[in-house]
Amino acid sequence: MRRTFIILFFGALAYKLHRDDVGRIEKEARKPAKDLTEEELKAAMKKLGIQKIELTPEDTEAVASFEREKGPFCIYCGAKVSPEAVYCPNCGSQIESR
């Protein structure tokens, strides 16, 4: 049986999890994984005994490629920002110079 994985991003951190485990986390948290805070994710993982999976070099390259195509994000809240942005439109943090 082939298992699929999901990578969840929280700023610069990435959590690789089995799709089935993400479903269990969503059921425990009572909301979609994309709406969880990192603290909520970690609490649900701990309660359910779920460990994150280490990213492979292929995962890291795929993520980097995806990020290059998708555009920059705020390192504080993860919101997408325009390349010209000085401040994050979501949290107001100053965007680091590129």
N, C-alpha and C. Protein backbone atom coordinates (compact mmCIF):
# COMPACT_ATOMS: atom_id res chain seq x y z
N MET A 1 0.84 -1.18 0.00
CA MET A 1 0.00 0.00 0.00
C MET A 1 0.89 1.25 0.00
N ARG A 2 0.63 2.15 -0.92
CA ARG A 2 1.41 3.38 -1.02
C ARG A 2 0.76 4.46 -0.15
N ARG A 3 1.54 5.05 0.72
CA ARG A 3 1.02 6.11 1.59
C ARG A 3 1.42 7.45 1.02
N THR A 4 0.52 8.39 1.09
CA THR A 4 0.83 9.73 0.63
C THR A 4 1.12 10.62 1.83
N PHE A 5 1.86 11.68 1.55
CA PHE A 5 2.29 12.58 2.60
C PHE A 5 1.79 13.99 2.32
N ILE A 6 1.70 14.75 3.38
CA ILE A 6 1.34 16.17 3.30
C ILE A 6 2.41 16.94 4.06
N ILE A 7 2.80 18.07 3.49
CA ILE A 7 3.76 18.94 4.17
C ILE A 7 3.02 20.21 4.58
N LEU A 8 3.00 20.48 5.87
CA LEU A 8 2.35 21.68 6.41
C LEU A 8 3.43 22.68 6.77
N PHE A 9 3.21 23.94 6.42
CA PHE A 9 4.20 24.99 6.65
C PHE A 9 3.74 25.95 7.73
N PHE A 10 4.68 26.31 8.58
CA PHE A 10 4.46 27.32 9.61
C PHE A 10 5.68 28.23 9.57
N GLY A 11 5.56 29.32 8.83
CA GLY A 11 6.71 30.19 8.62
C GLY A 11 7.80 29.41 7.89
N ALA A 12 8.96 29.33 8.51
CA ALA A 12 10.08 28.62 7.88
C ALA A 12 10.11 27.13 8.24
N LEU A 13 9.20 26.69 9.10
CA LEU A 13 9.18 25.28 9.53
C LEU A 13 8.21 24.47 8.68
N ALA A 14 8.59 23.23 8.41
CA ALA A 14 7.74 22.33 7.64
C ALA A 14 7.54 21.04 8.42
N TYR A 15 6.31 20.54 8.41
CA TYR A 15 5.97 19.29 9.06
C TYR A 15 5.49 18.33 7.98
N LYS A 16 6.19 17.21 7.80
CA LYS A 16 5.79 16.19 6.84
C LYS A 16 5.06 15.11 7.63
N LEU A 17 3.83 14.82 7.21
CA LEU A 17 3.00 13.85 7.91
C LEU A 17 2.29 12.94 6.91
N HIS A 18 1.94 11.74 7.36
CA HIS A 18 1.11 10.86 6.53
C HIS A 18 -0.27 11.49 6.40
N ARG A 19 -0.87 11.34 5.23
CA ARG A 19 -2.21 11.89 4.98
C ARG A 19 -3.20 11.39 6.03
N ASP A 20 -3.13 10.11 6.39
CA ASP A 20 -4.05 9.56 7.40
C ASP A 20 -3.88 10.26 8.74
N ASP A 21 -2.63 10.57 9.10
CA ASP A 21 -2.38 11.26 10.36
C ASP A 21 -2.93 12.68 10.33
N VAL A 22 -2.85 13.34 9.19
CA VAL A 22 -3.41 14.69 9.07
C VAL A 22 -4.93 14.62 9.30
N GLY A 23 -5.57 13.60 8.76
CA GLY A 23 -7.01 13.42 8.99
C GLY A 23 -7.33 13.23 10.47
N ARG A 24 -6.51 12.46 11.16
CA ARG A 24 -6.71 12.26 12.60
C ARG A 24 -6.51 13.57 13.36
N ILE A 25 -5.51 14.35 12.96
CA ILE A 25 -5.24 15.64 13.60
C ILE A 25 -6.42 16.59 13.38
N GLU A 26 -6.93 16.64 12.17
CA GLU A 26 -8.07 17.51 11.87
C GLU A 26 -9.30 17.11 12.69
N LYS A 27 -9.51 15.82 12.85
CA LYS A 27 -10.64 15.35 13.66
C LYS A 27 -10.46 15.75 15.12
N GLU A 28 -9.25 15.59 15.62
CA GLU A 28 -8.94 15.95 17.01
C GLU A 28 -9.10 17.46 17.24
N ALA A 29 -8.59 18.27 16.29
CA ALA A 29 -8.62 19.73 16.44
C ALA A 29 -9.95 20.34 16.02
N ARG A 30 -10.74 19.56 15.31
CA ARG A 30 -12.06 20.00 14.82
C ARG A 30 -11.96 21.17 13.84
N LYS A 31 -10.88 21.18 13.04
CA LYS A 31 -10.76 22.15 11.97
C LYS A 31 -9.71 21.68 10.97
N PRO A 32 -9.75 22.23 9.75
CA PRO A 32 -8.79 21.80 8.73
C PRO A 32 -7.35 22.10 9.14
N ALA A 33 -6.45 21.26 8.70
CA ALA A 33 -5.03 21.42 9.03
C ALA A 33 -4.51 22.78 8.61
N LYS A 34 -4.98 23.31 7.48
CA LYS A 34 -4.51 24.60 7.00
C LYS A 34 -4.88 25.74 7.94
N ASP A 35 -5.87 25.53 8.81
CA ASP A 35 -6.31 26.57 9.74
C ASP A 35 -5.69 26.43 11.14
N LEU A 36 -4.88 25.41 11.34
CA LEU A 36 -4.25 25.19 12.64
C LEU A 36 -3.06 26.11 12.86
N THR A 37 -2.84 26.49 14.08
CA THR A 37 -1.60 27.15 14.44
C THR A 37 -0.56 26.06 14.66
N GLU A 38 0.70 26.43 14.69
CA GLU A 38 1.73 25.44 14.93
C GLU A 38 1.55 24.81 16.32
N GLU A 39 1.15 25.61 17.29
CA GLU A 39 0.94 25.09 18.65
C GLU A 39 -0.20 24.07 18.67
N GLU A 40 -1.29 24.35 17.95
CA GLU A 40 -2.41 23.40 17.88
C GLU A 40 -1.97 22.10 17.21
N LEU A 41 -1.19 22.22 16.13
CA LEU A 41 -0.70 21.04 15.43
C LEU A 41 0.16 20.19 16.36
N LYS A 42 1.10 20.83 17.04
CA LYS A 42 2.01 20.09 17.93
C LYS A 42 1.24 19.43 19.08
N ALA A 43 0.24 20.13 19.62
CA ALA A 43 -0.55 19.56 20.72
C ALA A 43 -1.33 18.33 20.25
N ALA A 44 -1.94 18.42 19.08
CA ALA A 44 -2.69 17.28 18.54
C ALA A 44 -1.76 16.12 18.23
N MET A 45 -0.59 16.42 17.66
CA MET A 45 0.38 15.36 17.35
C MET A 45 0.81 14.65 18.63
N LYS A 46 1.07 15.42 19.69
CA LYS A 46 1.49 14.84 20.95
C LYS A 46 0.39 13.97 21.55
N LYS A 47 -0.84 14.48 21.55
CA LYS A 47 -1.96 13.74 22.12
C LYS A 47 -2.22 12.44 21.37
N LEU A 48 -2.04 12.47 20.04
CA LEU A 48 -2.31 11.29 19.22
C LEU A 48 -1.08 10.41 19.01
N GLY A 49 0.06 10.82 19.54
CA GLY A 49 1.28 10.03 19.39
C GLY A 49 1.83 10.01 17.97
N ILE A 50 1.66 11.12 17.26
CA ILE A 50 2.11 11.22 15.87
C ILE A 50 3.45 11.93 15.81
N GLN A 51 4.38 11.35 15.09
CA GLN A 51 5.69 11.95 14.89
C GLN A 51 5.78 12.50 13.48
N LYS A 52 6.42 13.66 13.32
CA LYS A 52 6.63 14.18 11.97
C LYS A 52 7.70 13.34 11.29
N ILE A 53 7.66 13.31 9.98
CA ILE A 53 8.60 12.53 9.18
C ILE A 53 9.65 13.49 8.65
N GLU A 54 10.89 13.05 8.66
CA GLU A 54 11.97 13.90 8.16
C GLU A 54 11.81 14.15 6.66
N LEU A 55 12.05 15.38 6.25
CA LEU A 55 12.01 15.71 4.83
C LEU A 55 13.21 15.06 4.14
N THR A 56 12.95 14.48 2.98
CA THR A 56 14.03 13.92 2.17
C THR A 56 14.65 15.04 1.35
N PRO A 57 15.83 14.85 0.77
CA PRO A 57 16.40 15.87 -0.12
C PRO A 57 15.45 16.19 -1.29
N GLU A 58 14.73 15.17 -1.76
CA GLU A 58 13.76 15.41 -2.84
C GLU A 58 12.62 16.30 -2.37
N ASP A 59 12.15 16.09 -1.12
CA ASP A 59 11.10 16.95 -0.56
C ASP A 59 11.59 18.38 -0.47
N THR A 60 12.80 18.56 0.04
CA THR A 60 13.36 19.89 0.21
C THR A 60 13.47 20.62 -1.13
N GLU A 61 13.92 19.91 -2.16
CA GLU A 61 14.03 20.52 -3.49
C GLU A 61 12.65 20.84 -4.07
N ALA A 62 11.68 19.94 -3.87
CA ALA A 62 10.33 20.20 -4.36
C ALA A 62 9.71 21.41 -3.68
N VAL A 63 9.93 21.54 -2.38
CA VAL A 63 9.41 22.69 -1.63
C VAL A 63 10.07 23.96 -2.13
N ALA A 64 11.39 23.94 -2.30
CA ALA A 64 12.11 25.13 -2.77
C ALA A 64 11.63 25.53 -4.15
N SER A 65 11.43 24.57 -5.03
CA SER A 65 10.94 24.85 -6.38
C SER A 65 9.54 25.45 -6.33
N PHE A 66 8.68 24.87 -5.50
CA PHE A 66 7.32 25.36 -5.34
C PHE A 66 7.32 26.79 -4.81
N GLU A 67 8.16 27.07 -3.81
CA GLU A 67 8.24 28.40 -3.22
C GLU A 67 8.73 29.43 -4.24
N ARG A 68 9.70 29.05 -5.06
CA ARG A 68 10.21 29.98 -6.08
C ARG A 68 9.10 30.35 -7.06
N GLU A 69 8.27 29.38 -7.41
CA GLU A 69 7.19 29.63 -8.36
C GLU A 69 6.05 30.42 -7.73
N LYS A 70 5.82 30.19 -6.45
CA LYS A 70 4.66 30.75 -5.76
C LYS A 70 4.89 32.18 -5.28
N GLY A 71 6.11 32.52 -4.98
CA GLY A 71 6.38 33.87 -4.51
C GLY A 71 6.75 33.91 -3.05
N PRO A 72 7.14 35.08 -2.56
CA PRO A 72 7.61 35.21 -1.18
C PRO A 72 6.48 35.17 -0.15
N PHE A 73 6.87 34.76 1.07
CA PHE A 73 5.95 34.68 2.19
C PHE A 73 6.58 35.36 3.41
N CYS A 74 5.73 35.83 4.29
CA CYS A 74 6.18 36.43 5.54
C CYS A 74 6.78 35.33 6.42
N ILE A 75 7.97 35.56 6.96
CA ILE A 75 8.59 34.55 7.81
C ILE A 75 7.97 34.51 9.20
N TYR A 76 7.15 35.51 9.53
CA TYR A 76 6.54 35.56 10.86
C TYR A 76 5.17 34.89 10.91
N CYS A 77 4.34 35.08 9.87
CA CYS A 77 3.00 34.52 9.91
C CYS A 77 2.70 33.59 8.74
N GLY A 78 3.56 33.55 7.73
CA GLY A 78 3.37 32.65 6.60
C GLY A 78 2.49 33.20 5.49
N ALA A 79 1.98 34.42 5.63
CA ALA A 79 1.13 35.01 4.60
C ALA A 79 1.93 35.33 3.34
N LYS A 80 1.28 35.21 2.20
CA LYS A 80 1.94 35.57 0.94
C LYS A 80 2.08 37.09 0.88
N VAL A 81 3.24 37.53 0.43
CA VAL A 81 3.50 38.97 0.29
C VAL A 81 3.99 39.24 -1.13
N SER A 82 3.73 40.44 -1.59
CA SER A 82 4.21 40.80 -2.93
C SER A 82 5.72 41.02 -2.87
N PRO A 83 6.40 40.83 -3.99
CA PRO A 83 7.86 41.03 -3.99
C PRO A 83 8.27 42.44 -3.59
N GLU A 84 7.39 43.41 -3.78
CA GLU A 84 7.72 44.81 -3.46
C GLU A 84 7.34 45.19 -2.03
N ALA A 85 6.69 44.30 -1.29
CA ALA A 85 6.17 44.64 0.04
C ALA A 85 7.29 44.99 1.02
N VAL A 86 7.02 46.00 1.83
CA VAL A 86 7.93 46.40 2.90
C VAL A 86 7.41 45.83 4.22
N TYR A 87 6.08 45.75 4.35
CA TYR A 87 5.42 45.21 5.53
C TYR A 87 4.44 44.12 5.11
N CYS A 88 4.27 43.11 5.97
CA CYS A 88 3.33 42.03 5.71
C CYS A 88 1.90 42.57 5.78
N PRO A 89 1.06 42.29 4.77
CA PRO A 89 -0.31 42.78 4.81
C PRO A 89 -1.16 42.05 5.85
N ASN A 90 -0.69 40.92 6.36
CA ASN A 90 -1.46 40.15 7.33
C ASN A 90 -1.11 40.52 8.76
N CYS A 91 0.19 40.49 9.11
CA CYS A 91 0.58 40.71 10.51
C CYS A 91 1.28 42.05 10.74
N GLY A 92 1.66 42.73 9.67
CA GLY A 92 2.30 44.04 9.80
C GLY A 92 3.79 44.01 10.06
N SER A 93 4.37 42.82 10.13
CA SER A 93 5.82 42.72 10.37
C SER A 93 6.60 43.26 9.17
N GLN A 94 7.75 43.83 9.46
CA GLN A 94 8.60 44.33 8.38
C GLN A 94 9.20 43.14 7.64
N ILE A 95 9.12 43.20 6.31
CA ILE A 95 9.65 42.14 5.46
C ILE A 95 11.16 42.32 5.36
N GLU A 96 11.90 41.24 5.54
CA GLU A 96 13.35 41.32 5.43
C GLU A 96 13.72 41.63 3.99
N SER A 97 14.78 42.39 3.80
CA SER A 97 15.21 42.73 2.46
C SER A 97 15.64 41.47 1.73
N ARG A 98 15.36 41.45 0.45
CA ARG A 98 15.67 40.27 -0.35
C ARG A 98 16.91 40.50 -1.14
